[in-house]
C-alpha atoms as a PDB file:
ATOM      1  CA  MET A   1      82.785  90.954 105.996  1.00  0.00           C
ATOM      2  CA  LYS A   2      80.312  93.275 106.631  1.00  0.00           C
ATOM      3  CA  HIS A   3      80.760  95.435 110.710  1.00  0.00           C
ATOM      4  CA  ASP A   4      78.310  95.112 112.640  1.00  0.00           C
ATOM      5  CA  LYS A   5      77.735  99.247 113.763  1.00  0.00           C
ATOM      6  CA  LEU A   6      77.300  99.916 117.840  1.00  0.00           C
ATOM      7  CA  ALA A   7      80.436  97.505 118.118  1.00  0.00           C
ATOM      8  CA  THR A   8      82.627  99.390 115.415  1.00  0.00           C
ATOM      9  CA  ALA A   9      80.929 102.625 117.159  1.00  0.00           C
ATOM     10  CA  ASN A  10      81.348 101.569 120.826  1.00  0.00           C
ATOM     11  CA  ALA A  11      85.192 100.585 119.660  1.00  0.00           C
ATOM     12  CA  ALA A  12      85.799 104.156 118.412  1.00  0.00           C
ATOM     13  CA  GLY A  13      84.562 105.302 121.646  1.00  0.00           C
ATOM     14  CA  LEU A  14      86.416 103.865 123.524  1.00  0.00           C
ATOM     15  CA  THR A  15      89.676 104.068 121.780  1.00  0.00           C
ATOM     16  CA  THR A  16      89.362 107.701 121.914  1.00  0.00           C
ATOM     17  CA  ALA A  17      88.836 108.428 125.651  1.00  0.00           C
ATOM     18  CA  GLY A  18      91.440 106.186 126.152  1.00  0.00           C
ATOM     19  CA  VAL A  19      93.805 108.036 124.308  1.00  0.00           C
ATOM     20  CA  TYR A  20      92.277 111.197 125.443  1.00  0.00           C
ATOM     21  CA  VAL A  21      93.325 110.535 129.441  1.00  0.00           C
ATOM     22  CA  ALA A  22      96.540 108.804 127.996  1.00  0.00           C
ATOM     23  CA  CYS A  23      96.880 112.711 126.478  1.00  0.00           C
ATOM     24  CA  ARG A  24      95.418 115.108 129.459  1.00  0.00           C
ATOM     25  CA  ILE A  25      98.061 113.372 132.214  1.00  0.00           C
ATOM     26  CA  LEU A  26     100.907 113.169 129.507  1.00  0.00           C
ATOM     27  CA  VAL A  27      99.367 117.383 128.777  1.00  0.00           C
ATOM     28  CA  GLY A  28      99.926 117.562 132.170  1.00  0.00           C
ATOM     29  CA  LEU A  29     103.201 115.900 133.190  1.00  0.00           C
ATOM     30  CA  PHE A  30     105.237 117.870 130.095  1.00  0.00           C
ATOM     31  CA  PRO A  31     103.350 120.954 129.472  1.00  0.00           C
ATOM     32  CA  ASP A  32     106.269 121.976 127.209  1.00  0.00           C
ATOM     33  CA  ALA A  33     106.955 118.686 125.447  1.00  0.00           C
ATOM     34  CA  ALA A  34     103.022 119.114 124.678  1.00  0.00           C
ATOM     35  CA  PHE A  35     103.138 121.822 122.889  1.00  0.00           C
ATOM     36  CA  THR A  36     105.637 120.774 120.637  1.00  0.00           C
ATOM     37  CA  VAL A  37     104.543 118.796 119.925  1.00  0.00           C
ATOM     38  CA  ALA A  38     101.231 120.089 119.635  1.00  0.00           C
ATOM     39  CA  GLN A  39     102.811 123.089 117.308  1.00  0.00           C
ATOM     40  CA  SER A  40     104.190 120.772 114.903  1.00  0.00           C
ATOM     41  CA  TRP A  41     100.615 119.625 114.060  1.00  0.00           C
ATOM     42  CA  PHE A  42      99.602 122.186 114.161  1.00  0.00           C
ATOM     43  CA  HIS A  43     101.756 123.013 111.150  1.00  0.00           C
ATOM     44  CA  GLY A  44     104.222 125.261 113.229  1.00  0.00           C
ATOM     45  CA  ILE A  45     101.840 127.675 114.390  1.00  0.00           C
ATOM     46  CA  GLU A  46     102.605 128.969 117.839  1.00  0.00           C
ATOM     47  CA  LEU A  47     100.904 127.356 120.376  1.00  0.00           C
ATOM     48  CA  GLN A  48     102.174 130.230 123.525  1.00  0.00           C
ATOM     49  CA  LYS A  49     100.818 132.751 121.534  1.00  0.00           C
ATOM     50  CA  LEU A  50      97.551 131.547 123.184  1.00  0.00           C
ATOM     51  CA  GLY A  51      98.954 131.888 126.956  1.00  0.00           C
ATOM     52  CA  GLY A  52      98.656 128.497 129.133  1.00  0.00           C
ATOM     53  CA  TRP A  53      96.694 124.678 129.573  1.00  0.00           C
ATOM     54  CA  SER A  54      93.426 124.975 130.996  1.00  0.00           C
ATOM     55  CA  LEU A  55      92.891 121.671 133.303  1.00  0.00           C
ATOM     56  CA  THR A  56      90.386 122.155 135.046  1.00  0.00           C
ATOM     57  CA  TRP A  57      88.295 118.988 136.043  1.00  0.00           C
ATOM     58  CA  GLU A  58      85.451 120.449 133.667  1.00  0.00           C
ATOM     59  CA  SER A  59      87.176 121.015 130.347  1.00  0.00           C
ATOM     60  CA  PHE A  60      88.522 117.551 131.148  1.00  0.00           C
ATOM     61  CA  PHE A  61      84.935 116.890 131.719  1.00  0.00           C
ATOM     62  CA  LEU A  62      83.749 118.583 128.552  1.00  0.00           C
ATOM     63  CA  GLY A  63      86.867 117.308 126.399  1.00  0.00           C
ATOM     64  CA  LEU A  64      86.611 113.229 127.462  1.00  0.00           C
ATOM     65  CA  ILE A  65      82.605 113.249 126.711  1.00  0.00           C
ATOM     66  CA  SER A  66      82.194 115.466 123.980  1.00  0.00           C
ATOM     67  CA  SER A  67      85.473 113.842 121.534  1.00  0.00           C
ATOM     68  CA  THR A  68      84.236 110.340 122.737  1.00  0.00           C
ATOM     69  CA  ALA A  69      80.215 110.643 121.561  1.00  0.00           C
ATOM     70  CA  PHE A  70      81.872 112.503 118.508  1.00  0.00           C
ATOM     71  CA  ALA A  71      84.457 109.440 117.888  1.00  0.00           C
ATOM     72  CA  TRP A  72      80.748 106.618 118.029  1.00  0.00           C
ATOM     73  CA  ALA A  73      79.515 108.461 115.618  1.00  0.00           C
ATOM     74  CA  VAL A  74      82.170 108.711 113.415  1.00  0.00           C
ATOM     75  CA  GLY A  75      82.684 104.575 114.289  1.00  0.00           C
ATOM     76  CA  TRP A  76      78.417 104.056 112.698  1.00  0.00           C
ATOM     77  CA  CYS A  77      79.038 106.389 110.265  1.00  0.00           C
ATOM     78  CA  PHE A  78      82.432 104.831 109.004  1.00  0.00           C
ATOM     79  CA  ALA A  79      80.593 100.893 109.741  1.00  0.00           C
ATOM     80  CA  HIS A  80      77.306 102.296 107.543  1.00  0.00           C
ATOM     81  CA  CYS A  81      79.264 103.033 104.773  1.00  0.00           C
ATOM     82  CA  TYR A  82      81.870 100.467 105.198  1.00  0.00           C
ATOM     83  CA  ASN A  83      78.353  97.740 104.622  1.00  0.00           C
ATOM     84  CA  TRP A  84      76.551  99.758 102.272  1.00  0.00           C
ATOM     85  CA  PHE A  85      80.221  99.347  99.948  1.00  0.00           C
ATOM     86  CA  VAL A  86      80.611  96.183 100.744  1.00  0.00           C
ATOM     87  CA  LYS A  87      76.758  95.521  99.043  1.00  0.00           C
ATOM     88  CA  LYS A  88      77.714  97.000  95.603  1.00  0.00           C
END
């Protein structure tokens, strides 16, 4: 079964956009818990030393657009590689 590259890329981009928005809302509502979770994901690096969150609209849209575009490209590459391996 082949993957439709565009459909896979669109699904990856949309999923990432949804997760990004949900994460941003949770960071805004629970900043201390978000620091704790982020620190656990980065193997205990003390993120508090870096300062607080920067929850501006500019950073929101930059993060949303860049993460969605990156996920779209990864989805397209995944489908391309998947289809290549299916042929072999």
